[in-house]
């Protein structure tokens, strides 16, 4: 399925960013609540298929190399999620991805994002996140510019993590959808 806003050309070196239930990778380790994986990880045979392949196609079409795409952006592009049933079960796919990450069957940038940053990447690209500090009575609104800043910071961390060696998507990957 090709969406009108996506050219048919797939782009390599695209990443999926998604939030998930927090876990601790080891004793005294920081909580991991968000992960970045190479799009090709969606083609892993231990990911629910054909859902992973369809999400991979949506994720990679018409993107620029190095683009980090939050799952919330895909949801926005799919009519606020109305078209997810035509693509696949994103919840099962992301659960499978966390399982792959934790079993070291693929590489990931595992992040412990603070609540505001996590909320910004879990909303659509044009959404706003409102905060309220009961101690001061002050409220603040964070929108697309703040989201872009969070994504830029994640991009910088990804570049450092890769240090010239791209994240490994796993072995035995399936062929991408055409």
N, C-alpha and C. Protein backbone atom coordinates (compact mmCIF):
# COMPACT_ATOMS: atom_id res chain seq x y z
N UNK A 1 0.85 -1.17 0.00
CA UNK A 1 0.00 0.00 0.00
C UNK A 1 0.90 1.23 0.00
N UNK A 2 0.69 2.15 -0.89
CA UNK A 2 1.45 3.38 -0.95
C UNK A 2 0.52 4.54 -0.60
N UNK A 3 0.98 5.36 0.31
CA UNK A 3 0.17 6.52 0.72
C UNK A 3 0.52 7.69 -0.19
N UNK A 4 -0.44 8.54 -0.50
CA UNK A 4 -0.23 9.62 -1.47
C UNK A 4 0.92 10.56 -1.09
N UNK A 5 1.20 10.77 0.16
CA UNK A 5 2.23 11.72 0.55
C UNK A 5 3.63 11.10 0.58
N UNK A 6 3.74 9.83 0.25
CA UNK A 6 5.04 9.16 0.24
C UNK A 6 5.41 8.75 -1.18
N UNK A 7 6.56 9.25 -1.68
CA UNK A 7 7.03 8.73 -2.96
C UNK A 7 7.28 7.22 -2.82
N UNK A 8 7.34 6.52 -3.93
CA UNK A 8 7.49 5.07 -3.88
C UNK A 8 8.92 4.64 -3.62
N UNK A 9 9.89 5.53 -3.70
CA UNK A 9 11.29 5.17 -3.49
C UNK A 9 11.57 4.99 -1.99
N UNK A 10 12.08 3.82 -1.61
CA UNK A 10 12.45 3.55 -0.22
C UNK A 10 13.82 4.15 0.06
N UNK A 11 14.03 4.59 1.27
CA UNK A 11 15.29 5.20 1.70
C UNK A 11 15.96 4.29 2.72
N UNK A 12 17.24 4.06 2.54
CA UNK A 12 18.01 3.29 3.52
C UNK A 12 18.38 4.20 4.68
N UNK A 13 18.84 3.61 5.75
CA UNK A 13 19.34 4.36 6.91
C UNK A 13 18.29 5.25 7.55
N UNK A 14 17.08 4.73 7.68
CA UNK A 14 16.00 5.41 8.39
C UNK A 14 15.82 4.65 9.70
N UNK A 15 15.37 5.36 10.72
CA UNK A 15 15.24 4.78 12.06
C UNK A 15 13.83 4.98 12.59
N UNK A 16 13.37 4.00 13.37
CA UNK A 16 12.09 4.09 14.05
C UNK A 16 12.34 4.41 15.52
N UNK A 17 11.65 5.41 16.02
CA UNK A 17 11.71 5.80 17.42
C UNK A 17 10.37 5.47 18.04
N UNK A 18 10.38 4.71 19.14
CA UNK A 18 9.12 4.36 19.78
C UNK A 18 9.30 4.28 21.29
N UNK A 19 8.25 4.66 21.99
CA UNK A 19 8.22 4.55 23.46
C UNK A 19 7.63 3.18 23.81
N UNK A 20 8.00 2.69 24.97
CA UNK A 20 7.52 1.38 25.42
C UNK A 20 7.51 1.33 26.93
N UNK A 21 7.00 0.25 27.46
CA UNK A 21 7.01 0.07 28.91
C UNK A 21 8.45 0.14 29.40
N UNK A 22 8.71 0.87 30.46
CA UNK A 22 10.08 0.99 30.96
C UNK A 22 10.63 -0.34 31.46
N UNK A 23 11.93 -0.49 31.29
CA UNK A 23 12.64 -1.63 31.87
C UNK A 23 14.02 -1.16 32.29
N UNK A 24 14.65 -1.94 33.13
CA UNK A 24 16.00 -1.65 33.60
C UNK A 24 16.92 -2.73 33.06
N UNK A 25 17.91 -2.36 32.23
CA UNK A 25 18.75 -3.38 31.60
C UNK A 25 19.70 -4.08 32.56
N UNK A 26 19.87 -3.56 33.75
CA UNK A 26 20.77 -4.20 34.71
C UNK A 26 20.70 -3.49 36.04
N UNK A 27 21.39 -4.04 37.04
CA UNK A 27 21.40 -3.39 38.35
C UNK A 27 21.99 -1.98 38.26
N UNK A 28 21.37 -1.08 38.94
CA UNK A 28 21.79 0.33 39.01
C UNK A 28 21.80 1.01 37.65
N UNK A 29 21.14 0.43 36.66
CA UNK A 29 21.07 1.02 35.33
C UNK A 29 19.92 2.01 35.25
N UNK A 30 20.03 2.95 34.34
CA UNK A 30 18.96 3.91 34.11
C UNK A 30 17.80 3.23 33.41
N UNK A 31 16.60 3.67 33.72
CA UNK A 31 15.40 3.16 33.08
C UNK A 31 15.48 3.41 31.57
N UNK A 32 15.06 2.42 30.79
CA UNK A 32 14.93 2.55 29.34
C UNK A 32 13.44 2.59 29.04
N UNK A 33 12.99 3.69 28.42
CA UNK A 33 11.56 3.83 28.13
C UNK A 33 11.27 4.17 26.67
N UNK A 34 12.32 4.32 25.89
CA UNK A 34 12.19 4.69 24.49
C UNK A 34 13.37 4.08 23.74
N UNK A 35 13.14 3.62 22.51
CA UNK A 35 14.21 3.01 21.74
C UNK A 35 14.21 3.51 20.30
N UNK A 36 15.39 3.50 19.71
CA UNK A 36 15.58 3.82 18.30
C UNK A 36 16.22 2.60 17.66
N UNK A 37 15.59 2.09 16.60
CA UNK A 37 16.12 0.93 15.88
C UNK A 37 16.22 1.28 14.40
N UNK A 38 17.15 0.63 13.69
CA UNK A 38 17.17 0.81 12.24
C UNK A 38 15.88 0.24 11.64
N UNK A 39 15.38 0.90 10.62
CA UNK A 39 14.14 0.45 9.99
C UNK A 39 14.21 -1.01 9.57
N UNK A 40 15.38 -1.46 9.15
CA UNK A 40 15.53 -2.84 8.69
C UNK A 40 15.24 -3.85 9.79
N UNK A 41 15.29 -3.45 11.05
CA UNK A 41 14.94 -4.37 12.14
C UNK A 41 13.49 -4.84 12.04
N UNK A 42 12.66 -4.06 11.37
CA UNK A 42 11.26 -4.45 11.17
C UNK A 42 11.14 -5.65 10.24
N UNK A 43 12.23 -5.97 9.53
CA UNK A 43 12.24 -7.11 8.61
C UNK A 43 12.78 -8.37 9.27
N UNK A 44 13.04 -8.30 10.55
CA UNK A 44 13.57 -9.46 11.29
C UNK A 44 12.51 -10.56 11.33
N UNK A 45 12.91 -11.81 11.20
CA UNK A 45 11.91 -12.90 11.20
C UNK A 45 11.19 -13.08 12.54
N UNK A 46 11.72 -12.53 13.62
CA UNK A 46 11.03 -12.64 14.91
C UNK A 46 10.08 -11.48 15.20
N UNK A 47 9.88 -10.64 14.19
CA UNK A 47 8.88 -9.57 14.27
C UNK A 47 7.62 -10.07 13.59
N UNK A 48 6.47 -9.75 14.15
CA UNK A 48 5.19 -10.16 13.53
C UNK A 48 5.18 -9.72 12.07
N UNK A 49 4.91 -10.67 11.19
CA UNK A 49 4.89 -10.41 9.75
C UNK A 49 3.53 -10.81 9.19
N UNK A 50 3.03 -10.16 8.18
CA UNK A 50 3.70 -9.17 7.35
C UNK A 50 3.67 -7.75 7.92
N UNK A 51 3.20 -7.59 9.15
CA UNK A 51 3.07 -6.26 9.75
C UNK A 51 4.38 -5.49 9.75
N UNK A 52 5.47 -6.14 10.19
CA UNK A 52 6.76 -5.47 10.24
C UNK A 52 7.21 -5.00 8.87
N UNK A 53 6.99 -5.82 7.85
CA UNK A 53 7.37 -5.47 6.48
C UNK A 53 6.55 -4.28 5.98
N UNK A 54 5.27 -4.26 6.30
CA UNK A 54 4.42 -3.14 5.88
C UNK A 54 4.80 -1.85 6.60
N UNK A 55 5.10 -1.94 7.90
CA UNK A 55 5.52 -0.75 8.64
C UNK A 55 6.87 -0.27 8.09
N UNK A 56 7.76 -1.20 7.77
CA UNK A 56 9.05 -0.84 7.16
C UNK A 56 8.82 -0.05 5.88
N UNK A 57 7.91 -0.51 5.03
CA UNK A 57 7.64 0.18 3.77
C UNK A 57 7.13 1.60 4.03
N UNK A 58 6.21 1.74 4.97
CA UNK A 58 5.68 3.06 5.31
C UNK A 58 6.78 3.95 5.89
N UNK A 59 7.60 3.38 6.73
CA UNK A 59 8.66 4.12 7.42
C UNK A 59 9.73 4.63 6.47
N UNK A 60 10.06 3.86 5.45
CA UNK A 60 11.21 4.20 4.61
C UNK A 60 10.87 4.95 3.33
N UNK A 61 9.64 4.97 2.93
CA UNK A 61 9.29 5.62 1.66
C UNK A 61 9.34 7.14 1.78
N UNK A 62 10.16 7.73 0.90
CA UNK A 62 10.21 9.19 0.80
C UNK A 62 10.92 9.89 1.94
N UNK A 63 11.66 9.18 2.76
CA UNK A 63 12.39 9.80 3.86
C UNK A 63 13.80 10.14 3.40
N UNK A 64 14.47 10.96 4.17
CA UNK A 64 15.87 11.25 3.87
C UNK A 64 16.76 10.33 4.70
N UNK A 65 17.94 9.98 4.21
CA UNK A 65 18.84 9.11 4.98
C UNK A 65 19.13 9.72 6.35
N UNK A 66 19.15 8.86 7.37
CA UNK A 66 19.42 9.31 8.73
C UNK A 66 18.19 9.81 9.47
N UNK A 67 17.04 9.85 8.81
CA UNK A 67 15.81 10.37 9.43
C UNK A 67 15.36 9.46 10.56
N UNK A 68 15.08 10.05 11.71
CA UNK A 68 14.51 9.34 12.85
C UNK A 68 13.02 9.65 12.85
N UNK A 69 12.21 8.62 12.68
CA UNK A 69 10.77 8.80 12.56
C UNK A 69 10.09 8.23 13.80
N UNK A 70 9.47 9.09 14.62
CA UNK A 70 8.72 8.58 15.76
C UNK A 70 7.48 7.80 15.30
N UNK A 71 7.14 6.78 16.06
CA UNK A 71 5.92 6.01 15.79
C UNK A 71 4.71 6.95 15.74
N UNK A 72 4.71 7.99 16.57
CA UNK A 72 3.60 8.94 16.58
C UNK A 72 3.48 9.68 15.25
N UNK A 73 4.59 9.89 14.56
CA UNK A 73 4.54 10.53 13.24
C UNK A 73 3.85 9.61 12.24
N UNK A 74 4.17 8.31 12.31
CA UNK A 74 3.48 7.36 11.43
C UNK A 74 1.98 7.35 11.73
N UNK A 75 1.64 7.38 13.01
CA UNK A 75 0.22 7.42 13.39
C UNK A 75 -0.45 8.65 12.82
N UNK A 76 0.22 9.80 12.90
CA UNK A 76 -0.31 11.04 12.33
C UNK A 76 -0.52 10.88 10.82
N UNK A 77 0.49 10.31 10.14
CA UNK A 77 0.39 10.13 8.69
C UNK A 77 -0.71 9.14 8.30
N UNK A 78 -1.07 8.29 9.21
CA UNK A 78 -2.12 7.30 8.96
C UNK A 78 -3.47 7.79 9.46
N UNK A 79 -3.72 9.08 9.27
CA UNK A 79 -5.02 9.64 9.63
C UNK A 79 -5.28 9.57 11.12
N UNK A 80 -4.26 9.86 11.92
CA UNK A 80 -4.43 9.80 13.37
C UNK A 80 -4.56 8.38 13.87
N UNK A 81 -4.14 7.42 13.06
CA UNK A 81 -4.19 6.01 13.45
C UNK A 81 -5.33 5.25 12.80
N UNK A 82 -6.21 5.96 12.12
CA UNK A 82 -7.37 5.30 11.50
C UNK A 82 -6.96 4.24 10.47
N UNK A 83 -5.79 4.40 9.86
CA UNK A 83 -5.37 3.46 8.81
C UNK A 83 -4.37 2.41 9.30
N UNK A 84 -4.08 2.38 10.62
CA UNK A 84 -3.18 1.34 11.12
C UNK A 84 -3.68 -0.07 10.79
N UNK A 85 -4.98 -0.35 10.88
CA UNK A 85 -5.42 -1.71 10.57
C UNK A 85 -5.02 -2.18 9.17
N UNK A 86 -4.89 -1.27 8.22
CA UNK A 86 -4.47 -1.65 6.87
C UNK A 86 -2.97 -1.95 6.80
N UNK A 87 -2.22 -1.45 7.76
CA UNK A 87 -0.76 -1.63 7.77
C UNK A 87 -0.38 -2.81 8.67
N UNK A 88 -0.83 -2.76 9.92
CA UNK A 88 -0.48 -3.84 10.83
C UNK A 88 -0.66 -3.47 12.28
N UNK A 89 -0.35 -4.39 13.12
CA UNK A 89 -0.49 -4.27 14.57
C UNK A 89 0.80 -3.68 15.15
N UNK A 90 0.84 -2.36 15.25
CA UNK A 90 2.05 -1.68 15.71
C UNK A 90 2.40 -2.06 17.15
N UNK A 91 1.40 -2.35 17.96
CA UNK A 91 1.67 -2.71 19.37
C UNK A 91 2.44 -4.02 19.46
N UNK A 92 2.01 -5.02 18.71
CA UNK A 92 2.72 -6.30 18.72
C UNK A 92 4.12 -6.14 18.12
N UNK A 93 4.23 -5.37 17.05
CA UNK A 93 5.53 -5.16 16.40
C UNK A 93 6.50 -4.48 17.36
N UNK A 94 6.06 -3.45 18.08
CA UNK A 94 6.98 -2.77 19.00
C UNK A 94 7.32 -3.66 20.20
N UNK A 95 6.38 -4.47 20.63
CA UNK A 95 6.67 -5.43 21.70
C UNK A 95 7.73 -6.44 21.22
N UNK A 96 7.58 -6.90 19.99
CA UNK A 96 8.57 -7.80 19.41
C UNK A 96 9.93 -7.12 19.29
N UNK A 97 9.94 -5.83 18.93
CA UNK A 97 11.20 -5.10 18.82
C UNK A 97 11.90 -5.00 20.17
N UNK A 98 11.15 -4.71 21.23
CA UNK A 98 11.75 -4.64 22.57
C UNK A 98 12.34 -6.01 22.94
N UNK A 99 11.64 -7.07 22.61
CA UNK A 99 12.15 -8.42 22.88
C UNK A 99 13.48 -8.65 22.13
N UNK A 100 13.54 -8.21 20.86
CA UNK A 100 14.79 -8.34 20.08
C UNK A 100 15.92 -7.54 20.72
N UNK A 101 15.61 -6.33 21.12
CA UNK A 101 16.62 -5.46 21.74
C UNK A 101 17.16 -6.10 23.01
N UNK A 102 16.25 -6.55 23.86
CA UNK A 102 16.65 -7.11 25.16
C UNK A 102 17.40 -8.42 25.01
N UNK A 103 17.16 -9.17 23.94
CA UNK A 103 17.88 -10.42 23.71
C UNK A 103 19.15 -10.20 22.88
N UNK A 104 19.42 -8.95 22.58
CA UNK A 104 20.60 -8.55 21.78
C UNK A 104 20.59 -9.18 20.39
N UNK A 105 19.39 -9.29 19.82
CA UNK A 105 19.24 -9.82 18.47
C UNK A 105 19.24 -8.71 17.43
N UNK A 106 19.35 -7.47 17.88
CA UNK A 106 19.53 -6.31 17.01
C UNK A 106 20.10 -5.19 17.88
N UNK A 107 20.67 -4.19 17.23
CA UNK A 107 21.17 -3.03 17.97
C UNK A 107 20.06 -2.00 18.11
N UNK A 108 20.17 -1.20 19.15
CA UNK A 108 19.23 -0.10 19.37
C UNK A 108 19.92 0.98 20.17
N UNK A 109 19.42 2.17 20.02
CA UNK A 109 19.78 3.25 20.93
C UNK A 109 18.68 3.24 21.98
N UNK A 110 19.03 2.80 23.17
CA UNK A 110 18.05 2.70 24.26
C UNK A 110 18.13 3.95 25.10
N UNK A 111 17.00 4.60 25.30
CA UNK A 111 16.95 5.90 25.95
C UNK A 111 16.06 5.88 27.18
N UNK A 112 16.43 6.66 28.16
CA UNK A 112 15.58 6.92 29.32
C UNK A 112 15.16 8.38 29.25
N UNK A 113 14.21 8.67 28.38
CA UNK A 113 13.79 10.06 28.19
C UNK A 113 13.03 10.59 29.40
N UNK A 114 13.28 11.85 29.76
CA UNK A 114 12.46 12.46 30.81
C UNK A 114 11.02 12.62 30.33
N UNK A 115 10.08 12.78 31.26
CA UNK A 115 8.65 12.79 30.89
C UNK A 115 8.27 13.77 29.77
N UNK A 116 8.78 15.00 29.81
CA UNK A 116 8.39 15.96 28.77
C UNK A 116 8.91 15.54 27.40
N UNK A 117 10.17 15.13 27.31
CA UNK A 117 10.74 14.70 26.03
C UNK A 117 9.98 13.49 25.50
N UNK A 118 9.67 12.57 26.39
CA UNK A 118 8.94 11.36 25.97
C UNK A 118 7.54 11.73 25.48
N UNK A 119 6.88 12.64 26.17
CA UNK A 119 5.54 13.08 25.74
C UNK A 119 5.61 13.75 24.37
N UNK A 120 6.66 14.53 24.12
CA UNK A 120 6.77 15.22 22.84
C UNK A 120 6.97 14.24 21.68
N UNK A 121 7.74 13.17 21.88
CA UNK A 121 7.93 12.21 20.78
C UNK A 121 6.75 11.26 20.66
N UNK A 122 5.88 11.24 21.66
CA UNK A 122 4.69 10.37 21.61
C UNK A 122 3.46 11.10 21.08
N UNK A 123 3.63 12.35 20.66
CA UNK A 123 2.53 13.11 20.07
C UNK A 123 2.87 13.38 18.62
N UNK A 124 1.88 13.75 17.86
CA UNK A 124 2.08 14.03 16.44
C UNK A 124 2.97 15.24 16.23
N UNK A 125 3.43 15.43 15.00
CA UNK A 125 4.38 16.49 14.71
C UNK A 125 3.84 17.91 14.90
N UNK A 126 2.54 18.08 14.96
CA UNK A 126 1.96 19.41 15.12
C UNK A 126 1.22 19.56 16.44
N UNK A 127 1.39 18.61 17.32
CA UNK A 127 0.68 18.63 18.61
C UNK A 127 1.40 19.50 19.63
N UNK A 128 0.70 19.74 20.72
CA UNK A 128 1.27 20.49 21.83
C UNK A 128 1.16 19.65 23.10
N UNK A 129 2.14 19.83 23.97
CA UNK A 129 2.13 19.20 25.28
C UNK A 129 2.06 20.33 26.30
N UNK A 130 1.09 20.25 27.18
CA UNK A 130 0.92 21.27 28.22
C UNK A 130 1.40 20.70 29.55
N UNK A 131 2.15 21.51 30.28
CA UNK A 131 2.60 21.11 31.61
C UNK A 131 2.09 22.12 32.63
N UNK A 132 1.99 21.65 33.86
CA UNK A 132 1.57 22.53 34.94
C UNK A 132 2.39 22.18 36.18
N UNK A 133 2.97 23.19 36.80
CA UNK A 133 3.75 23.01 38.02
C UNK A 133 2.88 23.47 39.20
N UNK A 134 2.35 22.52 39.97
CA UNK A 134 1.47 22.91 41.07
C UNK A 134 2.18 23.75 42.13
N UNK A 135 3.48 23.56 42.27
CA UNK A 135 4.22 24.33 43.28
C UNK A 135 4.25 25.82 42.95
N UNK A 136 4.37 26.15 41.66
CA UNK A 136 4.45 27.56 41.27
C UNK A 136 3.15 28.06 40.67
N UNK A 137 2.27 27.13 40.28
CA UNK A 137 1.03 27.50 39.62
C UNK A 137 1.24 27.89 38.16
N UNK A 138 2.43 27.67 37.65
CA UNK A 138 2.74 28.06 36.27
C UNK A 138 2.46 26.90 35.30
N UNK A 139 1.99 27.29 34.14
CA UNK A 139 1.76 26.33 33.06
C UNK A 139 2.66 26.69 31.89
N UNK A 140 2.96 25.72 31.07
CA UNK A 140 3.77 25.95 29.88
C UNK A 140 3.24 25.06 28.76
N UNK A 141 3.44 25.52 27.54
CA UNK A 141 3.02 24.77 26.37
C UNK A 141 4.26 24.53 25.50
N UNK A 142 4.45 23.28 25.11
CA UNK A 142 5.56 22.89 24.26
C UNK A 142 4.98 22.30 22.99
N UNK A 143 5.47 22.78 21.86
CA UNK A 143 4.91 22.33 20.59
C UNK A 143 5.94 21.77 19.63
N UNK A 144 5.68 21.94 18.34
CA UNK A 144 6.54 21.35 17.31
C UNK A 144 8.02 21.74 17.42
N UNK A 145 8.31 22.97 17.79
CA UNK A 145 9.72 23.38 17.89
C UNK A 145 10.43 22.59 19.00
N UNK A 146 9.77 22.42 20.12
CA UNK A 146 10.36 21.65 21.23
C UNK A 146 10.53 20.18 20.81
N UNK A 147 9.58 19.65 20.06
CA UNK A 147 9.68 18.27 19.58
C UNK A 147 10.87 18.12 18.65
N UNK A 148 11.06 19.10 17.74
CA UNK A 148 12.21 19.05 16.84
C UNK A 148 13.52 19.09 17.62
N UNK A 149 13.56 19.87 18.69
CA UNK A 149 14.77 19.93 19.53
C UNK A 149 15.07 18.57 20.16
N UNK A 150 14.03 17.91 20.67
CA UNK A 150 14.21 16.58 21.26
C UNK A 150 14.71 15.60 20.21
N UNK A 151 14.11 15.64 19.02
CA UNK A 151 14.54 14.73 17.95
C UNK A 151 15.97 15.03 17.51
N UNK A 152 16.35 16.30 17.48
CA UNK A 152 17.73 16.66 17.12
C UNK A 152 18.71 16.13 18.18
N UNK A 153 18.34 16.23 19.44
CA UNK A 153 19.20 15.71 20.51
C UNK A 153 19.33 14.19 20.40
N UNK A 154 18.24 13.51 20.10
CA UNK A 154 18.28 12.05 19.91
C UNK A 154 19.16 11.73 18.70
N UNK A 155 19.04 12.51 17.64
CA UNK A 155 19.88 12.31 16.46
C UNK A 155 21.36 12.45 16.78
N UNK A 156 21.71 13.41 17.62
CA UNK A 156 23.11 13.58 18.04
C UNK A 156 23.58 12.37 18.83
N UNK A 157 22.72 11.88 19.72
CA UNK A 157 23.09 10.69 20.50
C UNK A 157 23.24 9.47 19.60
N UNK A 158 22.40 9.37 18.58
CA UNK A 158 22.50 8.26 17.64
C UNK A 158 23.82 8.31 16.88
N UNK A 159 24.20 9.50 16.43
CA UNK A 159 25.48 9.64 15.73
C UNK A 159 26.65 9.22 16.63
N UNK A 160 26.60 9.61 17.89
CA UNK A 160 27.65 9.22 18.84
C UNK A 160 27.65 7.71 19.06
N UNK A 161 26.46 7.14 19.19
CA UNK A 161 26.35 5.70 19.45
C UNK A 161 26.86 4.89 18.26
N UNK A 162 26.57 5.36 17.07
CA UNK A 162 27.01 4.62 15.89
C UNK A 162 28.50 4.82 15.63
N UNK A 163 29.02 6.00 15.87
CA UNK A 163 30.46 6.30 15.70
C UNK A 163 31.02 5.66 14.43
N UNK A 164 30.34 5.86 13.32
CA UNK A 164 30.81 5.34 12.04
C UNK A 164 30.38 3.92 11.73
N UNK A 165 29.79 3.23 12.69
CA UNK A 165 29.32 1.86 12.47
C UNK A 165 27.80 1.86 12.68
N UNK A 166 27.03 1.69 11.61
CA UNK A 166 25.57 1.75 11.74
C UNK A 166 25.03 0.69 12.70
N UNK A 167 23.89 0.99 13.31
CA UNK A 167 23.24 0.01 14.16
C UNK A 167 22.93 -1.24 13.35
N UNK A 168 23.14 -2.38 13.96
CA UNK A 168 22.91 -3.68 13.33
C UNK A 168 21.43 -4.03 13.46
N UNK A 169 20.74 -4.28 12.33
CA UNK A 169 19.30 -4.59 12.39
C UNK A 169 18.97 -6.03 12.76
N UNK A 170 19.96 -6.89 12.83
CA UNK A 170 19.73 -8.30 13.13
C UNK A 170 20.08 -9.15 11.93
N UNK A 171 20.02 -10.45 12.11
CA UNK A 171 20.38 -11.41 11.07
C UNK A 171 19.13 -12.03 10.45
N UNK A 172 19.27 -12.56 9.24
CA UNK A 172 18.20 -13.30 8.58
C UNK A 172 17.03 -12.46 8.19
N UNK A 173 17.27 -11.19 7.84
CA UNK A 173 16.17 -10.26 7.55
C UNK A 173 15.39 -10.69 6.30
N UNK A 174 14.11 -10.43 6.33
CA UNK A 174 13.23 -10.70 5.20
C UNK A 174 13.40 -9.62 4.13
N UNK A 175 12.97 -9.91 2.93
CA UNK A 175 13.03 -8.92 1.86
C UNK A 175 12.01 -7.82 2.12
N UNK A 176 12.38 -6.58 1.82
CA UNK A 176 11.40 -5.49 2.00
C UNK A 176 10.25 -5.61 0.99
N UNK A 177 9.13 -5.02 1.34
CA UNK A 177 7.98 -4.99 0.43
C UNK A 177 8.31 -4.10 -0.76
N UNK A 178 7.74 -4.42 -1.88
CA UNK A 178 7.98 -3.59 -3.08
C UNK A 178 6.80 -2.71 -3.34
